[in-house]
C-alpha cells in the first residue's frame, strides 16, 4: 500500500490545478480580511480530495526532514501547501510565524497536540486529533504538533494567510526545541534537529511541563533513530548518537 501511494505521487502537474483547488484559490484571492473559521469553511466548501493533492506529495522526503512539504500556490497574502506524512513522521512543536488566519485539512488519522506558552513555560493543553478529511482552523496564537503514528502514509492540506499582501506569512516560525531548551526561528520546515543553516535566530530559554517534555523527547528520539538507521549523520547538526543518548537520559530523569 505504501509503495502504491508513493508511485501514484510521481505525477507532473504542469502547473495545472484540479477544480477543487482552483475553487479554493479563487475564494482566497477575493479578500484578505478572513477569520480562521471562515477559512475552514472555504476549505470544506472546496471539496478537496486526497487524490487532488497527490501531484504535490513528497513521500520520498529526506529522512532528516520530519515530513514532506510542497508549496502549491502563493497568492501574495496567502499560501497553500501540501504536507506528506509517512508512518512515524511528526513535526516539532511550532507556531506559524506571522500567520493570522488559516486552516488544515488532514486526509488520514493524525495525532494532533495543542500547547500554550506563557511566562516562559510551554504546557500541554489538549489533543485535537484528526480523523480523515477533518479540518481544523488555524489562528495566530496556535502552537501545535502533528504527525502520523499509524501504518499508512497520508497527505494534509495547509492554508495560511495574513491581512496585508507582502507580509511574511509562515517565515520566522518558532520551533520549541526542548532538548536545547530554546526557541528556534526558521523559514523552512518545522523539523526536529534543525541544522544551523536553517535556524535564523534563537529566542528565550524554555521550560516545559513533564507531559510536553516527555512527548517531545520521545518523538525527537524516534526521528534520530530513523536517521541513524538510514546511515545518515548530517554534518550540519549536533552528532546525533550523542544527542540521542542525552535525550534518553533526560526521559528517565
Foldseek 3Di string as FASTA:
>chain_A
DQVVLVVLLPDDCVLDAPQLVVQLVVVCLPAQPDALVRNLVSNVVSPDDQNRCSPQACQVDDLQFLWDKDWSDDDQFKTKMKIKAAALRKFFWWFQPQFAWKKKFWQAWKWKWWWAADPQEIETDDIDIDHGRDMDIHGRRTTMMMHHNDHHMTMMMIMTGHRDGPDDIRAQMWGCQPLQQWTFTFGDGRHQQDFPVGTPDIDDGHHYDLVSLLVNLVSSLSSLVSCVVVVDQDPRGDRSVVSSVVSVVVNVD
